[in-house]
């Protein structure tokens, strides 16, 4: 089974971390907050407020 998401980078702090995750099917980048009180995920935006999208890396 192919994975759909890939962690591009991660910064660990205390009991949690911030990750940049890319959806390999759409190329959309997400920022993920992982910590003891819960997790959150939202699209990563550039300085103009547009969603950061990588080239699609997965072929069907």
PDB file of N, CA and C in Angstrom:
ATOM      1  N   UNK A   1       0.843  -1.184   0.000  1.00  0.00           N
ATOM      2  CA  UNK A   1       0.000   0.000   0.000  1.00  0.00           C
ATOM      3  C   UNK A   1       0.890   1.249   0.000  1.00  0.00           C
ATOM      4  N   UNK A   2       0.613   2.155  -0.901  1.00  0.00           N
ATOM      5  CA  UNK A   2       1.383   3.395  -0.982  1.00  0.00           C
ATOM      6  C   UNK A   2       0.903   4.390   0.051  1.00  0.00           C
ATOM      7  N   UNK A   3       1.856   5.118   0.633  1.00  0.00           N
ATOM      8  CA  UNK A   3       1.499   6.156   1.591  1.00  0.00           C
ATOM      9  C   UNK A   3       1.073   7.408   0.851  1.00  0.00           C
ATOM     10  N   UNK A   4       0.094   8.106   1.395  1.00  0.00           N
ATOM     11  CA  UNK A   4      -0.400   9.320   0.759  1.00  0.00           C
ATOM     12  C   UNK A   4       0.293  10.561   1.287  1.00  0.00           C
ATOM     13  N   UNK A   5       0.704  10.581   2.546  1.00  0.00           N
ATOM     14  CA  UNK A   5       1.301  11.756   3.160  1.00  0.00           C
ATOM     15  C   UNK A   5       2.755  11.500   3.516  1.00  0.00           C
ATOM     16  N   UNK A   6       3.574  12.553   3.403  1.00  0.00           N
ATOM     17  CA  UNK A   6       4.993  12.454   3.739  1.00  0.00           C
ATOM     18  C   UNK A   6       5.370  13.659   4.591  1.00  0.00           C
ATOM     19  N   UNK A   7       6.095  13.420   5.684  1.00  0.00           N
ATOM     20  CA  UNK A   7       6.590  14.506   6.534  1.00  0.00           C
ATOM     21  C   UNK A   7       7.821  15.106   5.848  1.00  0.00           C
ATOM     22  N   UNK A   8       7.726  16.409   5.492  1.00  0.00           N
ATOM     23  CA  UNK A   8       8.844  17.099   4.842  1.00  0.00           C
ATOM     24  C   UNK A   8       9.825  17.651   5.855  1.00  0.00           C
ATOM     25  N   UNK A   9       9.314  18.151   6.965  1.00  0.00           N
ATOM     26  CA  UNK A   9      10.178  18.672   8.022  1.00  0.00           C
ATOM     27  C   UNK A   9       9.439  18.609   9.345  1.00  0.00           C
ATOM     28  N   UNK A  10      10.220  18.649  10.421  1.00  0.00           N
ATOM     29  CA  UNK A  10       9.636  18.580  11.757  1.00  0.00           C
ATOM     30  C   UNK A  10      10.538  19.316  12.733  1.00  0.00           C
ATOM     31  N   UNK A  11       9.901  20.081  13.607  1.00  0.00           N
ATOM     32  CA  UNK A  11      10.623  20.725  14.695  1.00  0.00           C
ATOM     33  C   UNK A  11       9.979  20.280  15.995  1.00  0.00           C
ATOM     34  N   UNK A  12      10.789  19.649  16.846  1.00  0.00           N
ATOM     35  CA  UNK A  12      10.308  19.115  18.119  1.00  0.00           C
ATOM     36  C   UNK A  12      10.550  20.145  19.208  1.00  0.00           C
ATOM     37  N   UNK A  13       9.563  20.309  20.089  1.00  0.00           N
ATOM     38  CA  UNK A  13       9.691  21.202  21.232  1.00  0.00           C
ATOM     39  C   UNK A  13       8.945  20.588  22.405  1.00  0.00           C
ATOM     40  N   UNK A  14       9.585  20.525  23.535  1.00  0.00           N
ATOM     41  CA  UNK A  14       8.934  19.985  24.733  1.00  0.00           C
ATOM     42  C   UNK A  14       8.242  18.667  24.474  1.00  0.00           C
ATOM     43  N   UNK A  15       6.928  18.639  24.685  1.00  0.00           N
ATOM     44  CA  UNK A  15       6.138  17.418  24.520  1.00  0.00           C
ATOM     45  C   UNK A  15       5.379  17.386  23.202  1.00  0.00           C
ATOM     46  N   UNK A  16       5.823  18.160  22.208  1.00  0.00           N
ATOM     47  CA  UNK A  16       5.109  18.183  20.943  1.00  0.00           C
ATOM     48  C   UNK A  16       6.021  18.500  19.776  1.00  0.00           C
ATOM     49  N   UNK A  17       5.398  18.718  18.629  1.00  0.00           N
ATOM     50  CA  UNK A  17       6.167  19.077  17.441  1.00  0.00           C
ATOM     51  C   UNK A  17       5.283  19.799  16.431  1.00  0.00           C
ATOM     52  N   UNK A  18       5.944  20.510  15.545  1.00  0.00           N
ATOM     53  CA  UNK A  18       5.298  21.122  14.387  1.00  0.00           C
ATOM     54  C   UNK A  18       5.883  20.424  13.167  1.00  0.00           C
ATOM     55  N   UNK A  19       5.003  19.945  12.274  1.00  0.00           N
ATOM     56  CA  UNK A  19       5.450  19.242  11.076  1.00  0.00           C
ATOM     57  C   UNK A  19       4.903  19.928   9.836  1.00  0.00           C
ATOM     58  N   UNK A  20       5.669  19.856   8.762  1.00  0.00           N
ATOM     59  CA  UNK A  20       5.170  20.214   7.438  1.00  0.00           C
ATOM     60  C   UNK A  20       4.975  18.885   6.716  1.00  0.00           C
ATOM     61  N   UNK A  21       3.741  18.627   6.301  1.00  0.00           N
ATOM     62  CA  UNK A  21       3.370  17.360   5.680  1.00  0.00           C
ATOM     63  C   UNK A  21       2.838  17.654   4.290  1.00  0.00           C
ATOM     64  N   UNK A  22       3.244  16.853   3.302  1.00  0.00           N
ATOM     65  CA  UNK A  22       2.754  17.036   1.941  1.00  0.00           C
ATOM     66  C   UNK A  22       1.865  15.854   1.555  1.00  0.00           C
ATOM     67  N   UNK A  23       0.746  16.169   0.907  1.00  0.00           N
ATOM     68  CA  UNK A  23      -0.149  15.159   0.348  1.00  0.00           C
ATOM     69  C   UNK A  23       0.445  14.773  -1.007  1.00  0.00           C
ATOM     70  N   UNK A  24       0.881  13.548  -1.142  1.00  0.00           N
ATOM     71  CA  UNK A  24       1.570  13.117  -2.353  1.00  0.00           C
ATOM     72  C   UNK A  24       0.652  13.019  -3.572  1.00  0.00           C
ATOM     73  N   UNK A  25      -0.662  13.006  -3.370  1.00  0.00           N
ATOM     74  CA  UNK A  25      -1.596  12.952  -4.496  1.00  0.00           C
ATOM     75  C   UNK A  25      -1.920  14.346  -5.028  1.00  0.00           C
ATOM     76  N   UNK A  26      -2.051  15.324  -4.144  1.00  0.00           N
ATOM     77  CA  UNK A  26      -2.453  16.671  -4.570  1.00  0.00           C
ATOM     78  C   UNK A  26      -1.307  17.666  -4.559  1.00  0.00           C
ATOM     79  N   UNK A  27      -0.251  17.368  -3.800  1.00  0.00           N
ATOM     80  CA  UNK A  27       0.870  18.294  -3.661  1.00  0.00           C
ATOM     81  C   UNK A  27       0.654  19.361  -2.608  1.00  0.00           C
ATOM     82  N   UNK A  28      -0.520  19.392  -1.981  1.00  0.00           N
ATOM     83  CA  UNK A  28      -0.835  20.403  -0.977  1.00  0.00           C
ATOM     84  C   UNK A  28      -0.001  20.168   0.285  1.00  0.00           C
ATOM     85  N   UNK A  29       0.577  21.254   0.812  1.00  0.00           N
ATOM     86  CA  UNK A  29       1.362  21.198   2.049  1.00  0.00           C
ATOM     87  C   UNK A  29       0.467  21.575   3.222  1.00  0.00           C
ATOM     88  N   UNK A  30       0.648  20.894   4.338  1.00  0.00           N
ATOM     89  CA  UNK A  30      -0.110  21.153   5.560  1.00  0.00           C
ATOM     90  C   UNK A  30       0.859  21.404   6.699  1.00  0.00           C
ATOM     91  N   UNK A  31       0.450  22.235   7.637  1.00  0.00           N
ATOM     92  CA  UNK A  31       1.189  22.395   8.880  1.00  0.00           C
ATOM     93  C   UNK A  31       0.410  21.626   9.942  1.00  0.00           C
ATOM     94  N   UNK A  32       1.129  20.776  10.665  1.00  0.00           N
ATOM     95  CA  UNK A  32       0.511  19.891  11.651  1.00  0.00           C
ATOM     96  C   UNK A  32       1.123  20.172  13.015  1.00  0.00           C
ATOM     97  N   UNK A  33       0.272  20.427  13.992  1.00  0.00           N
ATOM     98  CA  UNK A  33       0.687  20.635  15.377  1.00  0.00           C
ATOM     99  C   UNK A  33       0.346  19.366  16.144  1.00  0.00           C
ATOM    100  N   UNK A  34       1.367  18.702  16.670  1.00  0.00           N
ATOM    101  CA  UNK A  34       1.181  17.462  17.426  1.00  0.00           C
ATOM    102  C   UNK A  34       1.608  17.728  18.858  1.00  0.00           C
ATOM    103  N   UNK A  35       0.672  17.561  19.812  1.00  0.00           N
ATOM    104  CA  UNK A  35       1.035  17.768  21.214  1.00  0.00           C
ATOM    105  C   UNK A  35       0.143  16.933  22.113  1.00  0.00           C
ATOM    106  N   UNK A  36       0.404  17.004  23.409  1.00  0.00           N
ATOM    107  CA  UNK A  36      -0.299  16.174  24.390  1.00  0.00           C
ATOM    108  C   UNK A  36      -1.792  16.485  24.489  1.00  0.00           C
ATOM    109  N   UNK A  37      -2.204  17.709  24.172  1.00  0.00           N
ATOM    110  CA  UNK A  37      -3.614  18.065  24.325  1.00  0.00           C
ATOM    111  C   UNK A  37      -4.424  17.862  23.054  1.00  0.00           C
ATOM    112  N   UNK A  38      -3.781  17.428  21.977  1.00  0.00           N
ATOM    113  CA  UNK A  38      -4.495  17.168  20.731  1.00  0.00           C
ATOM    114  C   UNK A  38      -3.655  17.535  19.528  1.00  0.00           C
ATOM    115  N   UNK A  39      -4.167  17.244  18.372  1.00  0.00           N
ATOM    116  CA  UNK A  39      -3.471  17.517  17.126  1.00  0.00           C
ATOM    117  C   UNK A  39      -4.322  18.426  16.250  1.00  0.00           C
ATOM    118  N   UNK A  40      -3.656  19.190  15.384  1.00  0.00           N
ATOM    119  CA  UNK A  40      -4.389  20.010  14.427  1.00  0.00           C
ATOM    120  C   UNK A  40      -3.643  20.003  13.105  1.00  0.00           C
ATOM    121  N   UNK A  41      -4.397  20.202  12.023  1.00  0.00           N
ATOM    122  CA  UNK A  41      -3.818  20.187  10.682  1.00  0.00           C
ATOM    123  C   UNK A  41      -4.535  21.224   9.844  1.00  0.00           C
ATOM    124  N   UNK A  42      -3.765  22.063   9.143  1.00  0.00           N
ATOM    125  CA  UNK A  42      -4.356  23.098   8.302  1.00  0.00           C
ATOM    126  C   UNK A  42      -3.452  23.313   7.096  1.00  0.00           C
ATOM    127  N   UNK A  43      -4.005  23.727   5.960  1.00  0.00           N
ATOM    128  CA  UNK A  43      -3.152  23.986   4.805  1.00  0.00           C
ATOM    129  C   UNK A  43      -2.111  25.062   5.119  1.00  0.00           C
ATOM    130  N   UNK A  44      -0.919  24.890   4.593  1.00  0.00           N
ATOM    131  CA  UNK A  44       0.165  25.849   4.756  1.00  0.00           C
ATOM    132  C   UNK A  44      -0.010  26.943   3.707  1.00  0.00           C
ATOM    133  N   UNK A  45       0.037  28.202   4.148  1.00  0.00           N
ATOM    134  CA  UNK A  45      -0.148  29.337   3.246  1.00  0.00           C
ATOM    135  C   UNK A  45       1.163  30.075   3.026  1.00  0.00           C
ATOM    136  N   UNK A  46       1.320  30.638   1.818  1.00  0.00           N
ATOM    137  CA  UNK A  46       2.500  31.461   1.557  1.00  0.00           C
ATOM    138  C   UNK A  46       2.238  32.889   2.022  1.00  0.00           C
ATOM    139  N   UNK A  47       3.170  33.794   1.750  1.00  0.00           N
ATOM    140  CA  UNK A  47       3.043  35.171   2.236  1.00  0.00           C
ATOM    141  C   UNK A  47       1.892  35.937   1.576  1.00  0.00           C
ATOM    142  N   UNK A  48       1.354  35.423   0.484  1.00  0.00           N
ATOM    143  CA  UNK A  48       0.220  36.061  -0.196  1.00  0.00           C
ATOM    144  C   UNK A  48      -1.114  35.407   0.163  1.00  0.00           C
ATOM    145  N   UNK A  49      -1.071  34.433   1.065  1.00  0.00           N
ATOM    146  CA  UNK A  49      -2.293  33.776   1.505  1.00  0.00           C
ATOM    147  C   UNK A  49      -2.734  32.631   0.612  1.00  0.00           C
ATOM    148  N   UNK A  50      -1.882  32.209  -0.306  1.00  0.00           N
ATOM    149  CA  UNK A  50      -2.220  31.102  -1.199  1.00  0.00           C
ATOM    150  C   UNK A  50      -1.671  29.799  -0.626  1.00  0.00           C
ATOM    151  N   UNK A  51      -2.388  28.711  -0.876  1.00  0.00           N
ATOM    152  CA  UNK A  51      -1.974  27.396  -0.392  1.00  0.00           C
ATOM    153  C   UNK A  51      -0.675  26.989  -1.080  1.00  0.00           C
ATOM    154  N   UNK A  52       0.281  26.472  -0.305  1.00  0.00           N
ATOM    155  CA  UNK A  52       1.554  25.999  -0.849  1.00  0.00           C
ATOM    156  C   UNK A  52       1.317  24.624  -1.462  1.00  0.00           C
ATOM    157  N   UNK A  53       1.661  24.487  -2.759  1.00  0.00           N
ATOM    158  CA  UNK A  53       1.463  23.236  -3.471  1.00  0.00           C
ATOM    159  C   UNK A  53       2.780  22.834  -4.135  1.00  0.00           C
ATOM    160  N   UNK A  54       3.226  21.603  -3.890  1.00  0.00           N
ATOM    161  CA  UNK A  54       4.398  21.042  -4.552  1.00  0.00           C
ATOM    162  C   UNK A  54       3.932  20.356  -5.836  1.00  0.00           C
ATOM    163  N   UNK A  55       4.878  20.085  -6.703  1.00  0.00           N
ATOM    164  CA  UNK A  55       4.554  19.270  -7.870  1.00  0.00           C
ATOM    165  C   UNK A  55       4.043  17.929  -7.396  1.00  0.00           C
ATOM    166  N   UNK A  56       3.099  17.361  -8.123  1.00  0.00           N
ATOM    167  CA  UNK A  56       2.605  16.038  -7.755  1.00  0.00           C
ATOM    168  C   UNK A  56       3.736  15.039  -7.908  1.00  0.00           C
ATOM    169  N   UNK A  57       3.929  14.212  -6.892  1.00  0.00           N
ATOM    170  CA  UNK A  57       5.026  13.255  -6.900  1.00  0.00           C
ATOM    171  C   UNK A  57       4.541  11.824  -7.022  1.00  0.00           C
ATOM    172  N   UNK A  58       3.248  11.645  -6.984  1.00  0.00           N
ATOM    173  CA  UNK A  58       2.688  10.286  -7.026  1.00  0.00           C
ATOM    174  C   UNK A  58       1.955  10.098  -8.348  1.00  0.00           C
ATOM    175  N   UNK A  59       2.187   9.015  -9.007  1.00  0.00           N
ATOM    176  CA  UNK A  59       1.472   8.724 -10.245  1.00  0.00           C
ATOM    177  C   UNK A  59       0.463   7.627 -10.005  1.00  0.00           C
ATOM    178  N   UNK A  60      -0.634   7.707 -10.722  1.00  0.00           N
ATOM    179  CA  UNK A  60      -1.698   6.701 -10.553  1.00  0.00           C
ATOM    180  C   UNK A  60      -1.537   5.604 -11.558  1.00  0.00           C
TER     181      UNK A  60
END
